[in-house]
Amino acid sequence: MSGARVLKKLVFPVLMSLYMAFLMTGLITWINTGLGEGFLGRWWTAFYIAWPIAALLVLLGAQRIRSLSEKIGKRL
């Protein structure tokens, strides 16, 4: 597989994990600590820990989840 093709396959999982980690860490940080002083710092800390983990999990599980969703879709 060419380098460009590999990069194209990585774009979706990287962007999806970025989107989910950004929104989820922001929301959970807000719920747990409020929007007071230091919110952005706490959010940033949560985000930079969560995003690599989310990206790895998406990369490892995407194919299995895609297959499962196709099987479920066929039964609907």
Protein backbone atom coordinates (compact mmCIF):
# COMPACT_ATOMS: atom_id res chain seq x y z
CA MET A 1 0.00 0.00 0.00
CA SER A 2 1.41 3.42 -0.94
CA GLY A 3 2.24 6.06 1.63
CA ALA A 4 -0.50 8.37 0.34
CA ARG A 5 -3.06 5.58 0.63
CA VAL A 6 -2.04 4.84 4.22
CA LEU A 7 -2.30 8.52 5.11
CA LYS A 8 -5.78 8.72 3.58
CA LYS A 9 -6.89 5.78 5.72
CA LEU A 10 -5.55 7.51 8.85
CA VAL A 11 -7.28 10.85 8.29
CA PHE A 12 -10.76 9.76 9.40
CA PRO A 13 -9.75 8.00 12.64
CA VAL A 14 -7.40 10.82 13.62
CA LEU A 15 -10.05 13.49 13.00
CA MET A 16 -12.80 11.45 14.67
CA SER A 17 -10.70 10.85 17.78
CA LEU A 18 -9.71 14.54 17.88
CA TYR A 19 -13.35 15.61 17.65
CA MET A 20 -14.58 13.15 20.28
CA ALA A 21 -11.73 13.74 22.73
CA PHE A 22 -12.06 17.53 22.38
CA LEU A 23 -15.81 17.57 23.04
CA MET A 24 -15.92 14.85 25.68
CA THR A 25 -13.03 16.18 27.76
CA GLY A 26 -14.46 19.69 27.57
CA LEU A 27 -17.90 18.54 28.66
CA ILE A 28 -16.71 16.24 31.44
CA THR A 29 -14.23 18.83 32.73
CA TRP A 30 -17.03 21.42 32.80
CA ILE A 31 -19.43 19.04 34.59
CA ASN A 32 -16.81 18.00 37.15
CA THR A 33 -15.13 21.33 37.87
CA GLY A 34 -17.28 24.10 36.41
CA LEU A 35 -16.18 26.95 34.16
CA GLY A 36 -14.24 28.76 36.87
CA GLU A 37 -10.64 29.79 37.03
CA GLY A 38 -8.27 27.28 35.51
CA PHE A 39 -10.92 25.56 33.39
CA LEU A 40 -8.95 25.82 30.15
CA GLY A 41 -5.82 24.42 31.77
CA ARG A 42 -7.70 21.47 33.23
CA TRP A 43 -9.43 20.89 29.90
CA TRP A 44 -6.14 21.01 28.01
CA THR A 45 -4.56 18.51 30.42
CA ALA A 46 -7.51 16.13 30.06
CA PHE A 47 -7.50 16.54 26.27
CA TYR A 48 -3.81 15.92 25.67
CA ILE A 49 -4.01 12.76 27.76
CA ALA A 50 -7.26 11.53 26.18
CA TRP A 51 -6.62 12.23 22.50
CA PRO A 52 -3.71 9.83 21.91
CA ILE A 53 -5.60 7.11 23.78
CA ALA A 54 -8.75 7.76 21.74
CA ALA A 55 -6.77 7.77 18.49
CA LEU A 56 -5.11 4.46 19.32
CA LEU A 57 -8.43 2.87 20.28
CA VAL A 58 -10.09 4.06 17.07
CA LEU A 59 -7.18 2.80 14.96
CA LEU A 60 -7.22 -0.59 16.70
CA GLY A 61 -10.99 -1.07 16.74
CA ALA A 62 -12.29 0.69 13.64
CA GLN A 63 -12.33 -2.34 11.34
CA ARG A 64 -14.09 -4.56 13.88
CA ILE A 65 -16.65 -1.87 14.68
CA ARG A 66 -17.24 -1.25 10.96
CA SER A 67 -17.84 -4.99 10.42
CA LEU A 68 -20.19 -5.15 13.40
CA SER A 69 -22.17 -2.14 12.20
CA GLU A 70 -22.51 -3.70 8.73
CA LYS A 71 -23.83 -6.94 10.27
CA ILE A 72 -26.32 -5.00 12.39
CA GLY A 73 -27.34 -2.91 9.37
CA LYS A 74 -28.11 -6.03 7.35
CA ARG A 75 -30.47 -7.26 10.07
CA LEU A 76 -32.45 -4.02 10.26
